[in-house]
């Protein structure tokens, strides 16, 4: 389940890296009733790209760690699955 979530976050990061304007436009429509009046500043798109890079990196690192620790039981890593 965790790997599916990491994969989903990674894909969101890739989309945010590739099309930050579409992601910001979609988030603006969700956040505001009258989204036509909202005009994001230029740095918002750069921030969205940075966020996408961070999300993708974190997801890849998490997937890599879970793949390399596949032979080790979870309780040896300190992970509690409750």
C-alpha atoms as a PDB file:
ATOM      1  CA  UNK A   1       0.000   0.000   0.000  1.00  0.00           C
ATOM      2  CA  UNK A   2       2.811   2.402   0.844  1.00  0.00           C
ATOM      3  CA  UNK A   3       4.515   1.771  -2.476  1.00  0.00           C
ATOM      4  CA  UNK A   4       1.298   2.541  -4.331  1.00  0.00           C
ATOM      5  CA  UNK A   5       1.073   5.843  -2.493  1.00  0.00           C
ATOM      6  CA  UNK A   6       4.723   6.615  -3.249  1.00  0.00           C
ATOM      7  CA  UNK A   7       4.150   5.827  -6.906  1.00  0.00           C
ATOM      8  CA  UNK A   8       1.099   8.101  -7.008  1.00  0.00           C
ATOM      9  CA  UNK A   9       3.049  10.934  -5.349  1.00  0.00           C
ATOM     10  CA  UNK A  10       5.903  10.421  -7.796  1.00  0.00           C
ATOM     11  CA  UNK A  11       3.551  10.599 -10.760  1.00  0.00           C
ATOM     12  CA  UNK A  12       1.992  13.772  -9.378  1.00  0.00           C
ATOM     13  CA  UNK A  13       5.494  15.224  -9.084  1.00  0.00           C
ATOM     14  CA  UNK A  14       6.302  14.343 -12.687  1.00  0.00           C
ATOM     15  CA  UNK A  15       3.076  15.974 -13.892  1.00  0.00           C
ATOM     16  CA  UNK A  16       3.869  19.052 -11.819  1.00  0.00           C
ATOM     17  CA  UNK A  17       7.365  19.186 -13.319  1.00  0.00           C
ATOM     18  CA  UNK A  18       6.110  18.782 -16.876  1.00  0.00           C
ATOM     19  CA  UNK A  19       3.045  21.069 -16.750  1.00  0.00           C
ATOM     20  CA  UNK A  20       3.167  23.474 -13.792  1.00  0.00           C
ATOM     21  CA  UNK A  21       0.717  25.925 -15.373  1.00  0.00           C
ATOM     22  CA  UNK A  22      -1.976  23.268 -15.728  1.00  0.00           C
ATOM     23  CA  UNK A  23      -1.482  22.130 -12.123  1.00  0.00           C
ATOM     24  CA  UNK A  24      -1.648  25.714 -10.804  1.00  0.00           C
ATOM     25  CA  UNK A  25      -4.725  26.415 -12.931  1.00  0.00           C
ATOM     26  CA  UNK A  26      -6.456  23.279 -11.621  1.00  0.00           C
ATOM     27  CA  UNK A  27      -5.544  24.058  -8.012  1.00  0.00           C
ATOM     28  CA  UNK A  28      -6.798  27.620  -8.450  1.00  0.00           C
ATOM     29  CA  UNK A  29     -10.151  26.365  -9.751  1.00  0.00           C
ATOM     30  CA  UNK A  30     -10.486  24.078  -6.753  1.00  0.00           C
ATOM     31  CA  UNK A  31      -9.460  26.718  -4.203  1.00  0.00           C
ATOM     32  CA  UNK A  32     -11.459  29.753  -5.407  1.00  0.00           C
ATOM     33  CA  UNK A  33     -15.086  30.259  -6.380  1.00  0.00           C
ATOM     34  CA  UNK A  34     -14.238  32.921  -8.953  1.00  0.00           C
ATOM     35  CA  UNK A  35     -10.959  31.553 -10.268  1.00  0.00           C
ATOM     36  CA  UNK A  36     -11.020  33.829 -13.329  1.00  0.00           C
ATOM     37  CA  UNK A  37     -10.035  36.792 -11.167  1.00  0.00           C
ATOM     38  CA  UNK A  38      -7.080  35.032  -9.539  1.00  0.00           C
ATOM     39  CA  UNK A  39      -3.826  35.746 -11.332  1.00  0.00           C
ATOM     40  CA  UNK A  40      -0.777  33.874  -9.998  1.00  0.00           C
ATOM     41  CA  UNK A  41       2.580  35.570  -9.974  1.00  0.00           C
ATOM     42  CA  UNK A  42       5.423  34.320 -12.165  1.00  0.00           C
ATOM     43  CA  UNK A  43       7.310  32.675  -9.288  1.00  0.00           C
ATOM     44  CA  UNK A  44       4.367  30.371  -8.560  1.00  0.00           C
ATOM     45  CA  UNK A  45       5.203  28.249 -11.612  1.00  0.00           C
ATOM     46  CA  UNK A  46       8.829  27.945 -10.522  1.00  0.00           C
ATOM     47  CA  UNK A  47       7.680  26.949  -7.039  1.00  0.00           C
ATOM     48  CA  UNK A  48       5.367  24.324  -8.562  1.00  0.00           C
ATOM     49  CA  UNK A  49       8.284  22.877 -10.542  1.00  0.00           C
ATOM     50  CA  UNK A  50      10.454  22.762  -7.424  1.00  0.00           C
ATOM     51  CA  UNK A  51       7.642  21.056  -5.522  1.00  0.00           C
ATOM     52  CA  UNK A  52       7.293  18.537  -8.353  1.00  0.00           C
ATOM     53  CA  UNK A  53      11.021  17.797  -8.264  1.00  0.00           C
ATOM     54  CA  UNK A  54      10.947  17.318  -4.488  1.00  0.00           C
ATOM     55  CA  UNK A  55       7.890  15.033  -4.634  1.00  0.00           C
ATOM     56  CA  UNK A  56       9.415  12.948  -7.419  1.00  0.00           C
ATOM     57  CA  UNK A  57      12.749  12.649  -5.622  1.00  0.00           C
ATOM     58  CA  UNK A  58      11.170  11.651  -2.320  1.00  0.00           C
ATOM     59  CA  UNK A  59       8.950   9.084  -4.012  1.00  0.00           C
ATOM     60  CA  UNK A  60      11.873   7.560  -5.907  1.00  0.00           C
ATOM     61  CA  UNK A  61      14.018   7.389  -2.775  1.00  0.00           C
ATOM     62  CA  UNK A  62      11.184   5.743  -0.848  1.00  0.00           C
ATOM     63  CA  UNK A  63      10.544   3.227  -3.617  1.00  0.00           C
ATOM     64  CA  UNK A  64      14.255   2.459  -3.864  1.00  0.00           C
ATOM     65  CA  UNK A  65      14.567   1.918  -0.124  1.00  0.00           C
ATOM     66  CA  UNK A  66      11.562  -0.384  -0.007  1.00  0.00           C
ATOM     67  CA  UNK A  67      12.860  -2.342  -3.006  1.00  0.00           C
ATOM     68  CA  UNK A  68      16.319  -2.836  -1.525  1.00  0.00           C
ATOM     69  CA  UNK A  69      14.910  -3.810   1.878  1.00  0.00           C
ATOM     70  CA  UNK A  70      12.513  -6.363   0.417  1.00  0.00           C
ATOM     71  CA  UNK A  71      14.372  -9.299   1.980  1.00  0.00           C
ATOM     72  CA  UNK A  72      14.520  -7.752   5.468  1.00  0.00           C
ATOM     73  CA  UNK A  73      11.472  -8.010   7.781  1.00  0.00           C
ATOM     74  CA  UNK A  74       9.800  -4.673   8.547  1.00  0.00           C
ATOM     75  CA  UNK A  75      10.343  -4.865  12.309  1.00  0.00           C
ATOM     76  CA  UNK A  76      14.122  -4.771  11.762  1.00  0.00           C
ATOM     77  CA  UNK A  77      13.702  -1.341  10.143  1.00  0.00           C
ATOM     78  CA  UNK A  78      11.653  -0.035  13.021  1.00  0.00           C
ATOM     79  CA  UNK A  79       8.480   0.084  10.935  1.00  0.00           C
ATOM     80  CA  UNK A  80       5.279  -0.678  12.799  1.00  0.00           C
ATOM     81  CA  UNK A  81       2.532  -1.817  10.422  1.00  0.00           C
ATOM     82  CA  UNK A  82      -0.329  -1.465  12.944  1.00  0.00           C
END
